[in-house]
C-alpha atoms as a PDB file:
ATOM      1  CA  MET A   1     126.059  92.987 152.848  1.00  0.00           C
ATOM      2  CA  HIS A   2     126.626  91.028 156.195  1.00  0.00           C
ATOM      3  CA  GLU A   3     122.935  91.716 157.416  1.00  0.00           C
ATOM      4  CA  VAL A   4     121.385  90.889 153.511  1.00  0.00           C
ATOM      5  CA  VAL A   5     123.507  87.580 153.555  1.00  0.00           C
ATOM      6  CA  ASN A   6     122.119  86.818 156.882  1.00  0.00           C
ATOM      7  CA  GLY A   7     118.675  87.527 156.648  1.00  0.00           C
ATOM      8  CA  LEU A   8     118.838  85.668 152.551  1.00  0.00           C
ATOM      9  CA  LEU A   9     119.998  82.571 154.734  1.00  0.00           C
ATOM     10  CA  SER A  10     117.831  82.648 157.075  1.00  0.00           C
ATOM     11  CA  ARG A  11     115.083  82.176 154.764  1.00  0.00           C
ATOM     12  CA  GLU A  12     112.449  78.987 156.034  1.00  0.00           C
ATOM     13  CA  ASP A  13     111.593  78.533 151.873  1.00  0.00           C
ATOM     14  CA  GLY A  14     115.312  78.537 150.986  1.00  0.00           C
ATOM     15  CA  LEU A  15     115.227  80.967 148.179  1.00  0.00           C
ATOM     16  CA  LYS A  16     118.088  82.146 146.705  1.00  0.00           C
ATOM     17  CA  ILE A  17     118.064  85.921 145.336  1.00  0.00           C
ATOM     18  CA  PRO A  18     121.467  87.310 144.178  1.00  0.00           C
ATOM     19  CA  ILE A  19     122.491  89.815 145.737  1.00  0.00           C
ATOM     20  CA  GLY A  20     123.566  93.016 144.090  1.00  0.00           C
ATOM     21  CA  LEU A  21     126.703  95.571 145.949  1.00  0.00           C
ATOM     22  CA  ILE A  22     127.977  98.319 144.805  1.00  0.00           C
ATOM     23  CA  PRO A  23     130.853  99.178 146.999  1.00  0.00           C
ATOM     24  CA  GLY A  24     130.964 101.943 149.378  1.00  0.00           C
ATOM     25  CA  GLY A  25     132.755 101.602 151.954  1.00  0.00           C
ATOM     26  CA  THR A  26     136.477 102.238 153.392  1.00  0.00           C
ATOM     27  CA  GLY A  27     137.549  98.245 153.284  1.00  0.00           C
ATOM     28  CA  CYS A  28     135.590  96.578 150.341  1.00  0.00           C
ATOM     29  CA  SER A  29     136.996  93.512 150.812  1.00  0.00           C
ATOM     30  CA  PHE A  30     134.580  91.525 148.906  1.00  0.00           C
ATOM     31  CA  MET A  31     134.205  93.813 145.868  1.00  0.00           C
ATOM     32  CA  TYR A  32     138.421  93.857 145.650  1.00  0.00           C
ATOM     33  CA  ASP A  33     138.078  90.173 145.218  1.00  0.00           C
ATOM     34  CA  GLN A  34     135.621  90.880 142.431  1.00  0.00           C
ATOM     35  CA  ASP A  35     138.253  93.479 141.230  1.00  0.00           C
ATOM     36  CA  CYS A  36     135.543  95.800 141.161  1.00  0.00           C
ATOM     37  CA  LEU A  37     135.628  99.060 143.401  1.00  0.00           C
ATOM     38  CA  ASP A  38     134.248 101.410 140.879  1.00  0.00           C
ATOM     39  CA  PRO A  39     130.526 101.781 141.703  1.00  0.00           C
ATOM     40  CA  VAL A  40     129.416 102.616 138.069  1.00  0.00           C
ATOM     41  CA  GLU A  41     131.169  99.435 136.722  1.00  0.00           C
ATOM     42  CA  ALA A  42     129.238  97.475 139.657  1.00  0.00           C
ATOM     43  CA  ALA A  43     125.923  99.219 138.745  1.00  0.00           C
ATOM     44  CA  LYS A  44     126.491  97.980 135.141  1.00  0.00           C
ATOM     45  CA  ARG A  45     127.249  94.613 136.221  1.00  0.00           C
ATOM     46  CA  ILE A  46     124.345  93.973 138.365  1.00  0.00           C
ATOM     47  CA  ILE A  47     122.162  95.121 135.341  1.00  0.00           C
ATOM     48  CA  ALA A  48     123.501  92.851 133.069  1.00  0.00           C
ATOM     49  CA  GLY A  49     122.184  90.202 135.323  1.00  0.00           C
ATOM     50  CA  SER A  50     124.266  87.692 135.638  1.00  0.00           C
ATOM     51  CA  ALA A  51     124.748  85.901 138.598  1.00  0.00           C
ATOM     52  CA  LYS A  52     127.303  83.622 140.173  1.00  0.00           C
ATOM     53  CA  PRO A  53     127.507  81.373 143.339  1.00  0.00           C
ATOM     54  CA  ILE A  54     129.723  82.306 146.739  1.00  0.00           C
ATOM     55  CA  ASP A  55     130.404  80.617 149.563  1.00  0.00           C
ATOM     56  CA  ALA A  56     129.020  81.138 153.306  1.00  0.00           C
ATOM     57  CA  ALA A  57     129.688  79.975 156.281  1.00  0.00           C
ATOM     58  CA  THR A  58     127.920  78.741 159.700  1.00  0.00           C
ATOM     59  CA  VAL A  59     129.349  80.574 162.600  1.00  0.00           C
ATOM     60  CA  GLU A  60     128.062  79.186 166.018  1.00  0.00           C
ATOM     61  CA  ALA A  61     129.275  81.859 168.160  1.00  0.00           C
ATOM     62  CA  GLY A  62     128.998  81.805 172.160  1.00  0.00           C
ATOM     63  CA  GLY A  63     125.256  80.457 171.468  1.00  0.00           C
ATOM     64  CA  GLU A  64     124.537  83.068 168.596  1.00  0.00           C
ATOM     65  CA  SER A  65     123.984  81.449 165.325  1.00  0.00           C
ATOM     66  CA  LEU A  66     125.235  83.898 162.212  1.00  0.00           C
ATOM     67  CA  TYR A  67     126.354  83.184 158.821  1.00  0.00           C
ATOM     68  CA  ALA A  68     129.177  84.753 157.180  1.00  0.00           C
ATOM     69  CA  PHE A  69     130.438  85.266 154.011  1.00  0.00           C
ATOM     70  CA  ASN A  70     134.012  87.572 154.431  1.00  0.00           C
ATOM     71  CA  ILE A  71     136.389  86.944 157.452  1.00  0.00           C
ATOM     72  CA  VAL A  72     135.474  85.191 160.915  1.00  0.00           C
ATOM     73  CA  GLY A  73     138.211  87.110 163.532  1.00  0.00           C
ATOM     74  CA  TRP A  74     139.706  86.025 166.910  1.00  0.00           C
ATOM     75  CA  GLY A  75     142.170  87.507 168.758  1.00  0.00           C
ATOM     76  CA  MET A  76     144.553  90.462 167.515  1.00  0.00           C
ATOM     77  CA  ILE A  77     142.166  90.526 164.959  1.00  0.00           C
ATOM     78  CA  ASP A  78     139.041  91.053 166.722  1.00  0.00           C
ATOM     79  CA  ASP A  79     141.373  93.729 168.594  1.00  0.00           C
ATOM     80  CA  ILE A  80     142.103  95.599 165.162  1.00  0.00           C
ATOM     81  CA  ASN A  81     138.633  95.941 163.941  1.00  0.00           C
ATOM     82  CA  ARG A  82     137.614  97.220 167.092  1.00  0.00           C
ATOM     83  CA  LEU A  83     139.921  99.900 167.338  1.00  0.00           C
ATOM     84  CA  ALA A  84     140.153 100.909 163.571  1.00  0.00           C
ATOM     85  CA  GLU A  85     136.288 101.370 164.282  1.00  0.00           C
ATOM     86  CA  LYS A  86     137.323 104.269 167.062  1.00  0.00           C
ATOM     87  CA  MET A  87     139.503 105.810 164.056  1.00  0.00           C
ATOM     88  CA  ARG A  88     137.501 106.120 161.379  1.00  0.00           C
ATOM     89  CA  TRP A  89     138.579 110.031 161.016  1.00  0.00           C
ATOM     90  CA  LEU A  90     141.356 107.928 159.333  1.00  0.00           C
ATOM     91  CA  GLY A  91     139.690 106.885 156.318  1.00  0.00           C
ATOM     92  CA  GLY A  92     141.249 103.206 154.866  1.00  0.00           C
ATOM     93  CA  SER A  93     144.608 103.686 156.568  1.00  0.00           C
ATOM     94  CA  ARG A  94     142.841 103.070 160.595  1.00  0.00           C
ATOM     95  CA  TYR A  95     143.329  99.442 159.692  1.00  0.00           C
ATOM     96  CA  THR A  96     146.928  99.960 159.316  1.00  0.00           C
ATOM     97  CA  VAL A  97     147.364 102.536 162.333  1.00  0.00           C
ATOM     98  CA  ALA A  98     145.793  99.862 164.008  1.00  0.00           C
ATOM     99  CA  ALA A  99     147.180  96.971 163.419  1.00  0.00           C
ATOM    100  CA  LEU A 100     150.597  98.921 164.022  1.00  0.00           C
ATOM    101  CA  LEU A 101     149.629  99.869 167.547  1.00  0.00           C
ATOM    102  CA  LEU A 102     148.418  96.273 168.637  1.00  0.00           C
ATOM    103  CA  ILE A 103     151.454  94.512 167.527  1.00  0.00           C
ATOM    104  CA  ILE A 104     153.247  96.702 169.911  1.00  0.00           C
ATOM    105  CA  VAL A 105     151.146  95.589 172.822  1.00  0.00           C
ATOM    106  CA  HIS A 106     150.301  92.637 171.502  1.00  0.00           C
ATOM    107  CA  ARG A 107     149.308  89.840 174.105  1.00  0.00           C
ATOM    108  CA  LYS A 108     148.896  85.977 173.516  1.00  0.00           C
ATOM    109  CA  ARG A 109     145.880  83.692 173.976  1.00  0.00           C
ATOM    110  CA  ARG A 110     145.797  80.724 175.201  1.00  0.00           C
ATOM    111  CA  ALA A 111     143.450  78.645 173.420  1.00  0.00           C
ATOM    112  CA  LYS A 112     141.879  74.730 171.635  1.00  0.00           C
ATOM    113  CA  LEU A 113     142.106  75.154 168.295  1.00  0.00           C
ATOM    114  CA  LEU A 114     139.479  72.229 166.573  1.00  0.00           C
ATOM    115  CA  ILE A 115     140.951  72.188 162.831  1.00  0.00           C
ATOM    116  CA  ASP A 116     138.875  69.919 160.635  1.00  0.00           C
ATOM    117  CA  GLY A 117     138.143  67.670 163.861  1.00  0.00           C
ATOM    118  CA  VAL A 118     141.769  67.634 164.905  1.00  0.00           C
ATOM    119  CA  GLU A 119     142.628  69.546 168.308  1.00  0.00           C
ATOM    120  CA  HIS A 120     145.513  71.791 168.659  1.00  0.00           C
ATOM    121  CA  THR A 121     146.602  73.871 171.817  1.00  0.00           C
ATOM    122  CA  ASP A 122     149.064  76.292 172.352  1.00  0.00           C
ATOM    123  CA  ASP A 123     149.368  80.549 172.693  1.00  0.00           C
ATOM    124  CA  PHE A 124     147.586  82.549 169.604  1.00  0.00           C
ATOM    125  CA  ILE A 125     148.039  85.697 168.492  1.00  0.00           C
ATOM    126  CA  PHE A 126     145.210  85.482 166.332  1.00  0.00           C
ATOM    127  CA  GLY A 127     143.385  83.173 164.183  1.00  0.00           C
ATOM    128  CA  ILE A 128     141.229  84.659 161.332  1.00  0.00           C
ATOM    129  CA  GLY A 129     138.944  82.428 158.659  1.00  0.00           C
ATOM    130  CA  CYS A 130     138.828  84.256 155.521  1.00  0.00           C
ATOM    131  CA  ASN A 131     136.219  83.540 152.842  1.00  0.00           C
ATOM    132  CA  THR A 132     137.795  86.676 150.624  1.00  0.00           C
ATOM    133  CA  ILE A 133     141.353  87.054 149.697  1.00  0.00           C
ATOM    134  CA  HIS A 134     141.496  90.775 151.065  1.00  0.00           C
ATOM    135  CA  THR A 135     140.696  91.934 154.820  1.00  0.00           C
ATOM    136  CA  GLY A 136     140.585  95.867 155.606  1.00  0.00           C
ATOM    137  CA  LYS A 137     142.047  97.957 153.349  1.00  0.00           C
ATOM    138  CA  ALA A 138     143.794  95.921 150.505  1.00  0.00           C
ATOM    139  CA  MET A 139     145.303  93.651 152.799  1.00  0.00           C
ATOM    140  CA  LYS A 140     145.596  90.247 151.132  1.00  0.00           C
ATOM    141  CA  MET A 141     145.643  87.983 154.560  1.00  0.00           C
ATOM    142  CA  ALA A 142     144.274  84.701 152.604  1.00  0.00           C
ATOM    143  CA  PRO A 143     146.168  85.136 148.906  1.00  0.00           C
ATOM    144  CA  LYS A 144     144.999  81.495 148.109  1.00  0.00           C
ATOM    145  CA  ALA A 145     141.344  81.722 148.819  1.00  0.00           C
ATOM    146  CA  LYS A 146     138.681  81.342 146.336  1.00  0.00           C
ATOM    147  CA  LEU A 147     134.602  82.707 146.763  1.00  0.00           C
ATOM    148  CA  ASP A 148     133.196  79.240 145.331  1.00  0.00           C
ATOM    149  CA  ASP A 149     135.440  76.588 146.233  1.00  0.00           C
ATOM    150  CA  GLY A 150     133.684  75.417 149.995  1.00  0.00           C
ATOM    151  CA  LEU A 151     136.848  76.169 151.983  1.00  0.00           C
ATOM    152  CA  ILE A 152     137.563  78.632 154.059  1.00  0.00           C
ATOM    153  CA  ASP A 153     141.186  79.799 154.574  1.00  0.00           C
ATOM    154  CA  LEU A 154     142.454  79.524 158.135  1.00  0.00           C
ATOM    155  CA  VAL A 155     145.673  81.814 158.890  1.00  0.00           C
ATOM    156  CA  VAL A 156     147.088  81.191 162.871  1.00  0.00           C
ATOM    157  CA  VAL A 157     149.762  82.884 164.248  1.00  0.00           C
ATOM    158  CA  ARG A 158     150.859  81.255 167.310  1.00  0.00           C
ATOM    159  CA  LYS A 159     153.958  82.365 169.492  1.00  0.00           C
ATOM    160  CA  ALA A 160     155.531  85.819 167.721  1.00  0.00           C
ATOM    161  CA  GLY A 161     157.374  88.650 168.846  1.00  0.00           C
ATOM    162  CA  GLN A 162     156.956  92.197 168.802  1.00  0.00           C
ATOM    163  CA  LEU A 163     159.885  92.581 165.911  1.00  0.00           C
ATOM    164  CA  GLU A 164     158.768  89.561 164.294  1.00  0.00           C
ATOM    165  CA  LEU A 165     155.020  90.996 163.783  1.00  0.00           C
ATOM    166  CA  LEU A 166     156.396  94.108 162.526  1.00  0.00           C
ATOM    167  CA  LYS A 167     158.925  92.415 160.305  1.00  0.00           C
ATOM    168  CA  VAL A 168     155.885  90.445 158.526  1.00  0.00           C
ATOM    169  CA  PHE A 169     153.125  93.290 158.468  1.00  0.00           C
ATOM    170  CA  PRO A 170     154.116  94.573 155.506  1.00  0.00           C
ATOM    171  CA  LYS A 171     154.082  91.438 153.504  1.00  0.00           C
ATOM    172  CA  ILE A 172     150.442  91.360 154.228  1.00  0.00           C
ATOM    173  CA  PHE A 173     149.912  93.654 151.235  1.00  0.00           C
ATOM    174  CA  SER A 174     151.426  90.836 148.785  1.00  0.00           C
ATOM    175  CA  GLY A 175     150.478  88.116 150.859  1.00  0.00           C
ATOM    176  CA  THR A 176     153.747  86.864 151.373  1.00  0.00           C
ATOM    177  CA  HIS A 177     153.601  86.284 154.808  1.00  0.00           C
ATOM    178  CA  ILE A 178     152.023  82.853 154.660  1.00  0.00           C
ATOM    179  CA  SER A 179     155.678  81.869 153.855  1.00  0.00           C
ATOM    180  CA  HIS A 180     156.869  82.834 157.536  1.00  0.00           C
ATOM    181  CA  PRO A 181     157.301  80.342 159.744  1.00  0.00           C
ATOM    182  CA  PHE A 182     155.017  81.155 162.659  1.00  0.00           C
ATOM    183  CA  VAL A 183     152.292  82.121 160.104  1.00  0.00           C
ATOM    184  CA  GLU A 184     150.106  78.491 159.715  1.00  0.00           C
ATOM    185  CA  TYR A 185     147.963  78.326 156.661  1.00  0.00           C
ATOM    186  CA  ARG A 186     145.218  75.768 156.110  1.00  0.00           C
ATOM    187  CA  GLN A 187     142.364  75.730 153.702  1.00  0.00           C
ATOM    188  CA  VAL A 188     139.669  73.634 155.683  1.00  0.00           C
ATOM    189  CA  LYS A 189     135.916  72.907 155.498  1.00  0.00           C
ATOM    190  CA  SER A 190     135.289  73.798 159.091  1.00  0.00           C
ATOM    191  CA  PHE A 191     137.272  75.162 162.660  1.00  0.00           C
ATOM    192  CA  SER A 192     136.436  75.834 166.184  1.00  0.00           C
ATOM    193  CA  ILE A 193     138.178  77.950 168.704  1.00  0.00           C
ATOM    194  CA  ILE A 194     137.713  77.813 172.079  1.00  0.00           C
ATOM    195  CA  PRO A 195     140.005  79.678 174.497  1.00  0.00           C
ATOM    196  CA  ASP A 196     140.215  79.674 177.935  1.00  0.00           C
ATOM    197  CA  GLU A 197     138.888  82.679 178.551  1.00  0.00           C
ATOM    198  CA  VAL A 198     135.510  84.605 176.938  1.00  0.00           C
ATOM    199  CA  ASP A 199     136.842  86.510 173.542  1.00  0.00           C
ATOM    200  CA  THR A 200     134.713  88.908 171.515  1.00  0.00           C
ATOM    201  CA  LEU A 201     134.566  88.235 168.063  1.00  0.00           C
ATOM    202  CA  THR A 202     135.059  89.898 164.562  1.00  0.00           C
ATOM    203  CA  ILE A 203     132.447  88.163 161.823  1.00  0.00           C
ATOM    204  CA  ASP A 204     132.631  90.260 158.177  1.00  0.00           C
ATOM    205  CA  GLY A 205     133.820  93.351 159.837  1.00  0.00           C
ATOM    206  CA  GLU A 206     131.083  93.876 162.430  1.00  0.00           C
ATOM    207  CA  PRO A 207     132.117  93.564 166.090  1.00  0.00           C
ATOM    208  CA  LYS A 208     129.500  90.710 167.062  1.00  0.00           C
ATOM    209  CA  GLY A 209     129.315  87.585 169.115  1.00  0.00           C
ATOM    210  CA  HIS A 210     132.131  86.171 171.060  1.00  0.00           C
ATOM    211  CA  THR A 211     134.085  82.698 171.499  1.00  0.00           C
ATOM    212  CA  PRO A 212     133.476  79.625 171.647  1.00  0.00           C
ATOM    213  CA  VAL A 213     133.280  79.841 168.136  1.00  0.00           C
ATOM    214  CA  HIS A 214     132.539  77.169 165.694  1.00  0.00           C
ATOM    215  CA  VAL A 215     132.471  77.691 161.780  1.00  0.00           C
ATOM    216  CA  LYS A 216     131.512  74.988 158.768  1.00  0.00           C
ATOM    217  CA  MET A 217     130.954  76.284 155.303  1.00  0.00           C
ATOM    218  CA  ILE A 218     128.189  76.131 153.055  1.00  0.00           C
ATOM    219  CA  GLU A 219     129.039  75.213 149.633  1.00  0.00           C
ATOM    220  CA  LYS A 220     127.627  78.049 147.337  1.00  0.00           C
ATOM    221  CA  GLY A 221     125.643  79.588 149.596  1.00  0.00           C
ATOM    222  CA  PHE A 222     124.167  82.363 147.902  1.00  0.00           C
ATOM    223  CA  GLU A 223     124.590  84.106 144.827  1.00  0.00           C
ATOM    224  CA  VAL A 224     125.671  88.009 143.380  1.00  0.00           C
ATOM    225  CA  PHE A 225     125.804  89.436 140.298  1.00  0.00           C
ATOM    226  CA  GLY A 226     129.059  90.021 138.871  1.00  0.00           C
END
């Protein structure tokens, strides 16, 4: 899906061709938001031919220009995704296992965070911009996210200890983690992450790109059947 969206939004003629997606992966975050994890149901929706608009984001990542429709993750989020890639034999539970392992050995990163042009400098555990509610396997990372509101839901965790992270982690599956004092939740049109040291990124679940990263929303950037 990430590659198709990038190809579509890179078209010189700007033509919007509706995309039909049939779920087959272990995460399926986008299709969780569509309440459509059954391949047969997904095929029926495509055949019905009704298309709806979906927001996208431009991502300038270390000089590379990309598009995202799902997430842009930095810090522990990227660490989890890269570790989970090495644990595919665990199926969908690999995201949970990877998260728990990295909480135990977590590290902070010093960075400058720009949110709609306002600067914040601090030590961070992670930052993730979400267009979808779900990430990983049924984790409600951004419970207020909407696919067509022109905003990206930014979830930021600053200084937090291992015990605090372990306590809040189970709440991600219900979306109640955003009420914790060390979790900052913002709905924004743009953000930038500029760490003191260059870090890798996870974009739509793909381990690609590196910081500094600048993200800006494209309202109703493409269409999907559903």
